Amino acid sequence: MNRFWIRIMLFSALILCGCGIVPTVAPAKTQPPILENDWTIKMTHSGGIMGLSHSIEISSDGSYTVTDERVRQTKQGKLSEDELSALIQLVASTQYSPNNQPSGCADCFMYHIEISGADKAFTAQADDVTLGNSGLGPLVMELRAIIDRELN
């Protein structure tokens, strides 16, 4: 009878060992391209309970287009030299850490960023849950501020 219980305990221990948490390696941080010569920054801000769909595209000369897809409203403008310089520095300091795990947030805002420049393309995405650890927070907040300024 003792052998029976020993076998059950060993079998149980083997099963439990197989159910442990597997450590994951954090993905490497990536950096957007250096913004020199001709470049573009695009961000789509979508989701939420109301189905928001805003986008912004900024060109290297500082001109931008902001769009609200739901109400089909488009506004154009141009960043000041100081705003453009601050944006270029913000992109240069961005260190993106991708999150390969779904956040499971059904009503979060989603942020999709594309930056093209210096013969390199950069794509990143985050949502409200993953934004804080993604390294994209300051850039997203700056782009959202321009969107909000134009659409409100």
Protein backbone atom coordinates (compact mmCIF):
# COMPACT_ATOMS: atom_id res chain seq x y z
CA MET A 1 0.00 0.00 0.00
CA ASN A 2 2.87 2.39 0.72
CA ARG A 3 4.22 1.97 -2.81
CA PHE A 4 0.83 2.98 -4.19
CA TRP A 5 0.85 6.31 -2.29
CA ILE A 6 4.47 6.98 -3.15
CA ARG A 7 3.68 6.49 -6.83
CA ILE A 8 0.64 8.78 -6.59
CA MET A 9 2.73 11.50 -4.89
CA LEU A 10 5.51 11.23 -7.47
CA PHE A 11 3.04 11.31 -10.34
CA SER A 12 1.30 14.35 -8.81
CA ALA A 13 4.64 16.11 -8.36
CA LEU A 14 5.50 15.53 -12.03
CA ILE A 15 2.13 16.87 -13.15
CA LEU A 16 2.45 19.98 -10.98
CA CYS A 17 5.97 20.68 -12.25
CA GLY A 18 4.63 20.76 -15.79
CA CYS A 19 2.07 23.40 -14.86
CA GLY A 20 4.56 25.97 -13.59
CA ILE A 21 4.97 29.45 -14.95
CA VAL A 22 7.34 29.55 -17.86
CA PRO A 23 9.62 32.57 -17.68
CA THR A 24 9.48 34.69 -20.79
CA VAL A 25 12.25 36.75 -22.25
CA ALA A 26 11.34 40.40 -22.58
CA PRO A 27 11.39 41.51 -26.21
CA ALA A 28 14.22 43.81 -27.17
CA LYS A 29 13.54 47.51 -27.18
CA THR A 30 13.48 49.14 -30.57
CA GLN A 31 13.93 52.74 -31.55
CA PRO A 32 12.16 54.69 -34.29
CA PRO A 33 14.26 55.98 -37.19
CA ILE A 34 16.12 59.25 -36.90
CA LEU A 35 13.92 62.02 -38.26
CA GLU A 36 16.02 63.78 -40.84
CA ASN A 37 15.33 64.77 -44.45
CA ASP A 38 11.88 63.50 -45.48
CA TRP A 39 9.87 61.60 -42.87
CA THR A 40 6.30 61.00 -41.76
CA ILE A 41 4.63 60.08 -38.49
CA LYS A 42 1.18 58.50 -38.53
CA MET A 43 -0.91 57.54 -35.52
CA THR A 44 -4.35 55.99 -35.39
CA HIS A 45 -6.19 56.35 -32.08
CA SER A 46 -9.22 54.06 -32.03
CA GLY A 47 -11.54 52.02 -29.85
CA GLY A 48 -13.28 52.72 -26.59
CA ILE A 49 -16.96 52.33 -25.85
CA MET A 50 -17.94 54.94 -28.44
CA GLY A 51 -15.85 53.45 -31.26
CA LEU A 52 -13.49 56.40 -31.60
CA SER A 53 -11.43 56.59 -34.79
CA HIS A 54 -8.98 59.50 -34.98
CA SER A 55 -5.79 59.72 -36.98
CA ILE A 56 -2.95 62.16 -37.47
CA GLU A 57 -0.24 62.33 -40.09
CA ILE A 58 2.68 64.72 -39.71
CA SER A 59 5.25 65.40 -42.43
CA SER A 60 8.84 66.56 -42.07
CA ASP A 61 7.90 70.15 -42.95
CA GLY A 62 5.57 70.24 -39.91
CA SER A 63 2.33 70.09 -41.87
CA TYR A 64 -0.26 67.72 -40.47
CA THR A 65 -3.69 66.30 -41.19
CA VAL A 66 -6.03 65.24 -38.39
CA THR A 67 -9.07 63.10 -39.19
CA ASP A 68 -12.11 61.98 -37.22
CA GLU A 69 -13.42 59.02 -39.23
CA ARG A 70 -16.74 58.75 -37.36
CA VAL A 71 -17.95 62.24 -38.27
CA ARG A 72 -15.84 62.51 -41.43
CA GLN A 73 -14.06 65.65 -40.28
CA THR A 74 -10.56 66.57 -41.46
CA LYS A 75 -8.42 69.49 -40.32
CA GLN A 76 -5.01 70.56 -41.50
CA GLY A 77 -2.37 72.70 -39.88
CA LYS A 78 1.32 73.23 -39.40
CA LEU A 79 3.44 72.81 -36.29
CA SER A 80 5.54 75.75 -35.16
CA GLU A 81 9.32 75.36 -35.36
CA ASP A 82 9.43 74.80 -31.57
CA GLU A 83 6.68 72.15 -31.71
CA LEU A 84 8.39 70.40 -34.62
CA SER A 85 11.75 70.43 -32.86
CA ALA A 86 10.19 69.07 -29.64
CA LEU A 87 8.45 66.29 -31.61
CA ILE A 88 11.70 65.28 -33.32
CA GLN A 89 13.46 65.10 -29.94
CA LEU A 90 10.56 63.11 -28.47
CA VAL A 91 10.77 60.53 -31.26
CA ALA A 92 14.56 60.33 -30.84
CA SER A 93 14.14 59.54 -27.13
CA THR A 94 11.43 56.91 -27.65
CA GLN A 95 12.43 53.33 -26.76
CA TYR A 96 9.62 50.96 -27.74
CA SER A 97 9.18 47.74 -25.77
CA PRO A 98 6.66 45.55 -27.59
CA ASN A 99 4.22 43.54 -25.51
CA ASN A 100 3.51 40.17 -27.11
CA GLN A 101 0.79 39.29 -24.61
CA PRO A 102 -2.80 40.44 -25.30
CA SER A 103 -4.02 42.79 -22.59
CA GLY A 104 -7.58 41.46 -22.67
CA CYS A 105 -9.02 44.98 -22.49
CA ALA A 106 -12.23 45.08 -24.50
CA ASP A 107 -12.95 48.83 -24.35
CA CYS A 108 -9.42 50.21 -24.34
CA PHE A 109 -8.17 52.79 -26.76
CA MET A 110 -5.72 51.37 -29.29
CA TYR A 111 -2.72 53.30 -30.59
CA HIS A 112 -1.03 52.33 -33.84
CA ILE A 113 2.05 54.34 -34.81
CA GLU A 114 4.00 54.27 -38.06
CA ILE A 115 7.16 56.31 -38.53
CA SER A 116 9.03 56.39 -41.83
CA GLY A 117 12.37 58.08 -42.24
CA ALA A 118 16.06 57.60 -42.93
CA ASP A 119 15.29 54.62 -45.18
CA LYS A 120 13.73 52.82 -42.23
CA ALA A 121 10.15 52.07 -41.24
CA PHE A 122 8.97 51.68 -37.66
CA THR A 123 5.61 50.30 -36.54
CA ALA A 124 4.36 50.04 -32.97
CA GLN A 125 1.10 49.50 -31.18
CA ALA A 126 -0.22 49.64 -27.66
CA ASP A 127 -3.49 49.99 -25.82
CA ASP A 128 -4.44 51.75 -22.59
CA VAL A 129 -3.22 48.79 -20.52
CA THR A 130 0.14 48.29 -22.27
CA LEU A 131 0.90 51.95 -23.06
CA GLY A 132 2.67 52.67 -19.76
CA ASN A 133 5.27 49.93 -20.23
CA SER A 134 5.61 50.29 -23.99
CA GLY A 135 7.77 53.42 -23.99
CA LEU A 136 5.28 55.09 -26.33
CA GLY A 137 3.39 57.05 -23.67
CA PRO A 138 4.96 60.51 -24.13
CA LEU A 139 4.78 60.30 -27.94
CA VAL A 140 1.16 59.12 -27.89
CA MET A 141 0.19 61.89 -25.46
CA GLU A 142 1.84 64.54 -27.64
CA LEU A 143 0.10 63.30 -30.79
CA ARG A 144 -3.23 63.03 -28.94
CA ALA A 145 -2.84 66.63 -27.75
CA ILE A 146 -2.57 67.81 -31.37
CA ILE A 147 -5.59 65.70 -32.35
CA ASP A 148 -7.64 67.05 -29.43
CA ARG A 149 -6.60 70.63 -30.17
CA GLU A 150 -7.77 70.34 -33.76
CA LEU A 151 -10.98 68.37 -33.28
CA ASN A 152 -12.37 70.11 -30.19
